[in-house]
Amino acid sequence: MNDGGGDQALTFVYLIGCLVLVASALMVRRVPIGQGLKMAAGWVLIFAAAFVGFALKDDFVALGKRVVEESRGEGRSVQSAGEMRIRKAEDGHFWATAEVNGEKVRFLIDSGATTIMMSAETARRAGVQPAGGFPAMVDTANGVVRADRGRVARIRLGPIDRHDMTVLSAAAFGDTNVLGMNFLSSLSSWGVQGQWLVLRP
């Protein structure tokens, strides 16, 4: 168990000790009172800023993670037993992290895609094997590409858990994975409400 209060108390005692040492040094050097007060006030501000920074370090870390996620185009998600809400990212799309056969995969949720699509590397990591047979021809922004057909044993997005779903994989998809209509149509309902995409199992 992390004793954050104890750490902060120790840090406070340490900073007070440092201030006492600084004050003692000023007294030994016989610095004029006016100059000494100014220097002391400066040190107080420095140590106060250091203490606040340490006390709020967890908040700063959380803020940093959020900034990184938004810079990568990831949206914030909120889930409950009855639904999952995904906030629109800065790039105007809805992004979410799902588990594919236990492997975490970042997806773009796109109702314009017919099927779940994954990069060849992501499919390999998630243990999705090509089913063989004729490849699928997929129309992408880079033209028509050939994709392998496969099946996902399990895909879980928050409270939504689905099994044995069709997936297409291809190296030409790059590093973008897409949750398409075969996933969305398995839900009881889904839709956009303002800046949020609402998914209900």
Protein backbone atom coordinates (compact mmCIF):
# COMPACT_ATOMS: atom_id res chain seq x y z
CA MET A 1 0.00 0.00 0.00
CA ASN A 2 1.39 3.41 -0.98
CA ASP A 3 1.54 5.84 1.96
CA GLY A 4 1.36 9.11 0.02
CA GLY A 5 0.64 11.14 3.17
CA GLY A 6 3.74 9.80 4.90
CA ASP A 7 5.93 10.61 1.89
CA GLN A 8 4.58 14.16 1.77
CA ALA A 9 5.20 14.62 5.52
CA LEU A 10 8.80 13.44 5.19
CA THR A 11 9.32 15.74 2.22
CA PHE A 12 7.87 18.66 4.19
CA VAL A 13 10.22 17.98 7.11
CA TYR A 14 13.15 17.75 4.68
CA LEU A 15 12.28 21.10 3.09
CA ILE A 16 11.90 22.77 6.48
CA GLY A 17 15.34 21.45 7.40
CA CYS A 18 16.77 22.93 4.20
CA LEU A 19 15.20 26.30 4.98
CA VAL A 20 16.71 26.21 8.48
CA LEU A 21 20.15 25.53 6.97
CA VAL A 22 19.75 28.40 4.52
CA ALA A 23 18.65 30.74 7.30
CA SER A 24 21.62 29.67 9.45
CA ALA A 25 24.02 30.33 6.56
CA LEU A 26 22.62 33.83 6.12
CA MET A 27 23.01 34.55 9.82
CA VAL A 28 26.62 33.32 9.85
CA ARG A 29 27.49 35.54 6.88
CA ARG A 30 25.86 38.52 8.68
CA VAL A 31 23.79 39.48 5.67
CA PRO A 32 21.86 42.76 6.14
CA ILE A 33 18.32 42.18 7.37
CA GLY A 34 16.64 43.62 4.26
CA GLN A 35 18.73 41.60 1.85
CA GLY A 36 18.45 38.55 4.06
CA LEU A 37 14.64 38.74 4.06
CA LYS A 38 14.57 38.98 0.28
CA MET A 39 16.87 36.00 -0.09
CA ALA A 40 14.87 34.03 2.48
CA ALA A 41 11.61 34.82 0.67
CA GLY A 42 13.13 33.61 -2.59
CA TRP A 43 14.21 30.34 -1.00
CA VAL A 44 10.78 29.91 0.59
CA LEU A 45 9.17 30.24 -2.84
CA ILE A 46 11.62 27.74 -4.37
CA PHE A 47 11.04 25.15 -1.67
CA ALA A 48 7.26 25.74 -1.71
CA ALA A 49 7.21 25.13 -5.47
CA ALA A 50 9.28 21.97 -5.00
CA PHE A 51 6.89 20.72 -2.32
CA VAL A 52 3.79 21.43 -4.41
CA GLY A 53 5.40 19.70 -7.39
CA PHE A 54 6.13 16.61 -5.31
CA ALA A 55 2.68 16.58 -3.69
CA LEU A 56 0.93 16.81 -7.06
CA LYS A 57 3.29 14.57 -9.01
CA ASP A 58 0.59 11.91 -9.58
CA ASP A 59 -1.75 14.55 -11.01
CA PHE A 60 1.00 15.81 -13.31
CA VAL A 61 1.71 12.26 -14.50
CA ALA A 62 -1.99 11.66 -15.21
CA LEU A 63 -2.20 14.95 -17.09
CA GLY A 64 0.87 14.03 -19.13
CA LYS A 65 -0.65 10.68 -20.08
CA ARG A 66 -3.85 12.37 -21.15
CA VAL A 67 -1.95 14.87 -23.32
CA VAL A 68 -0.01 12.02 -24.96
CA GLU A 69 -3.20 10.07 -25.64
CA GLU A 70 -4.92 13.09 -27.18
CA SER A 71 -1.85 13.89 -29.29
CA ARG A 72 -2.01 10.32 -30.63
CA GLY A 73 -5.67 10.80 -31.50
CA GLU A 74 -7.06 8.66 -28.70
CA GLY A 75 -10.38 9.52 -27.11
CA ARG A 76 -11.39 9.13 -23.49
CA SER A 77 -13.81 6.34 -22.66
CA VAL A 78 -16.26 5.85 -19.80
CA GLN A 79 -17.91 2.50 -19.19
CA SER A 80 -20.64 1.07 -17.03
CA ALA A 81 -22.59 -2.18 -16.93
CA GLY A 82 -25.12 -0.91 -19.44
CA GLU A 83 -23.02 1.00 -21.97
CA MET A 84 -19.66 2.32 -23.07
CA ARG A 85 -19.14 5.95 -24.03
CA ILE A 86 -16.13 6.98 -26.15
CA ARG A 87 -15.28 10.65 -26.57
CA LYS A 88 -14.36 11.97 -29.99
CA ALA A 89 -10.60 12.49 -30.32
CA GLU A 90 -8.86 15.63 -31.54
CA ASP A 91 -8.67 14.19 -35.06
CA GLY A 92 -12.47 13.90 -35.21
CA HIS A 93 -12.53 10.09 -34.96
CA PHE A 94 -13.50 7.65 -32.24
CA TRP A 95 -10.63 5.50 -30.94
CA ALA A 96 -10.73 2.74 -28.34
CA THR A 97 -8.52 -0.02 -27.00
CA ALA A 98 -10.04 -3.50 -27.09
CA GLU A 99 -8.71 -6.94 -26.21
CA VAL A 100 -8.38 -9.39 -29.10
CA ASN A 101 -7.76 -12.89 -27.75
CA GLY A 102 -6.34 -11.18 -24.66
CA GLU A 103 -4.02 -8.88 -26.67
CA LYS A 104 -4.64 -5.12 -26.31
CA VAL A 105 -5.30 -3.53 -29.68
CA ARG A 106 -6.04 0.11 -30.50
CA PHE A 107 -8.96 0.46 -32.92
CA LEU A 108 -10.54 3.16 -35.00
CA ILE A 109 -14.31 2.69 -34.78
CA ASP A 110 -15.63 3.15 -38.30
CA SER A 111 -19.21 2.47 -39.40
CA GLY A 112 -18.04 2.85 -43.00
CA ALA A 113 -16.04 -0.37 -42.75
CA THR A 114 -17.98 -3.59 -43.32
CA THR A 115 -15.69 -5.85 -41.30
CA ILE A 116 -13.18 -5.73 -38.48
CA MET A 117 -9.80 -5.04 -40.09
CA MET A 118 -6.38 -5.54 -38.54
CA SER A 119 -2.83 -5.07 -39.66
CA ALA A 120 -0.98 -8.30 -40.41
CA GLU A 121 1.37 -7.70 -37.48
CA THR A 122 -1.47 -7.06 -35.05
CA ALA A 123 -3.30 -10.18 -36.25
CA ARG A 124 -0.14 -12.20 -35.71
CA ARG A 125 0.33 -10.87 -32.17
CA ALA A 126 -3.31 -11.60 -31.33
CA GLY A 127 -3.10 -15.14 -32.68
CA VAL A 128 -5.55 -14.57 -35.54
CA GLN A 129 -4.75 -17.11 -38.25
CA PRO A 130 -5.73 -16.71 -41.95
CA ALA A 131 -8.61 -19.02 -42.78
CA GLY A 132 -7.32 -19.71 -46.29
CA GLY A 133 -9.41 -19.66 -49.44
CA PHE A 134 -9.87 -16.69 -51.71
CA PRO A 135 -8.63 -13.35 -50.31
CA ALA A 136 -10.96 -10.41 -49.87
CA MET A 137 -10.54 -7.29 -51.97
CA VAL A 138 -10.76 -4.20 -49.76
CA ASP A 139 -11.12 -0.65 -51.03
CA THR A 140 -8.84 1.62 -48.95
CA ALA A 141 -7.53 5.18 -49.19
CA ASN A 142 -4.47 3.72 -50.94
CA GLY A 143 -6.51 1.75 -53.44
CA VAL A 144 -7.78 -1.82 -53.52
CA VAL A 145 -5.73 -4.28 -51.46
CA ARG A 146 -5.86 -8.04 -50.92
CA ALA A 147 -6.66 -9.12 -47.37
CA ASP A 148 -6.69 -12.50 -45.65
CA ARG A 149 -9.91 -13.70 -44.08
CA GLY A 150 -9.80 -14.97 -40.50
CA ARG A 151 -11.81 -15.42 -37.31
CA VAL A 152 -11.35 -13.71 -33.94
CA ALA A 153 -12.02 -16.13 -31.10
CA ARG A 154 -12.81 -13.32 -28.68
CA ILE A 155 -12.91 -9.54 -28.77
CA ARG A 156 -13.77 -7.47 -25.70
CA LEU A 157 -14.36 -3.72 -25.57
CA GLY A 158 -15.24 -2.59 -22.06
CA PRO A 159 -18.48 -4.38 -21.07
CA ILE A 160 -18.96 -5.65 -24.64
CA ASP A 161 -17.76 -9.22 -25.18
CA ARG A 162 -18.03 -10.95 -28.56
CA HIS A 163 -16.85 -14.34 -29.86
CA ASP A 164 -16.02 -15.90 -33.23
CA MET A 165 -16.13 -12.80 -35.41
CA THR A 166 -14.89 -12.34 -38.97
CA VAL A 167 -11.74 -10.27 -39.43
CA LEU A 168 -9.67 -9.19 -42.41
CA SER A 169 -5.91 -8.72 -42.10
CA ALA A 170 -3.32 -7.29 -44.46
CA ALA A 171 0.11 -5.68 -44.26
CA ALA A 172 -1.27 -2.91 -46.48
CA PHE A 173 -3.50 -1.71 -43.61
CA GLY A 174 -0.37 -0.28 -41.98
CA ASP A 175 -0.70 0.23 -38.24
CA THR A 176 -4.42 1.10 -38.32
CA ASN A 177 -6.93 -1.41 -36.99
CA VAL A 178 -10.65 -0.86 -37.55
CA LEU A 179 -13.78 -2.00 -35.74
CA GLY A 180 -16.34 -2.20 -38.52
CA MET A 181 -20.03 -2.84 -38.92
CA ASN A 182 -19.93 -6.57 -38.17
CA PHE A 183 -18.95 -5.57 -34.61
CA LEU A 184 -21.30 -2.57 -34.36
CA SER A 185 -24.29 -4.51 -35.73
CA SER A 186 -23.85 -7.10 -32.96
CA LEU A 187 -24.75 -4.44 -30.37
CA SER A 188 -28.25 -3.77 -29.06
CA SER A 189 -27.76 -0.13 -30.05
CA TRP A 190 -25.08 2.41 -30.88
CA GLY A 191 -25.00 6.05 -31.92
CA VAL A 192 -23.34 9.42 -31.58
CA GLN A 193 -24.51 11.84 -28.89
CA GLY A 194 -22.68 15.15 -29.23
CA GLN A 195 -18.98 14.41 -28.76
CA TRP A 196 -19.59 10.86 -27.54
CA LEU A 197 -20.07 7.52 -29.26
CA VAL A 198 -22.44 5.43 -27.13
CA LEU A 199 -22.24 1.63 -27.43
CA ARG A 200 -24.72 -0.65 -25.68
CA PRO A 201 -24.18 -4.42 -25.52
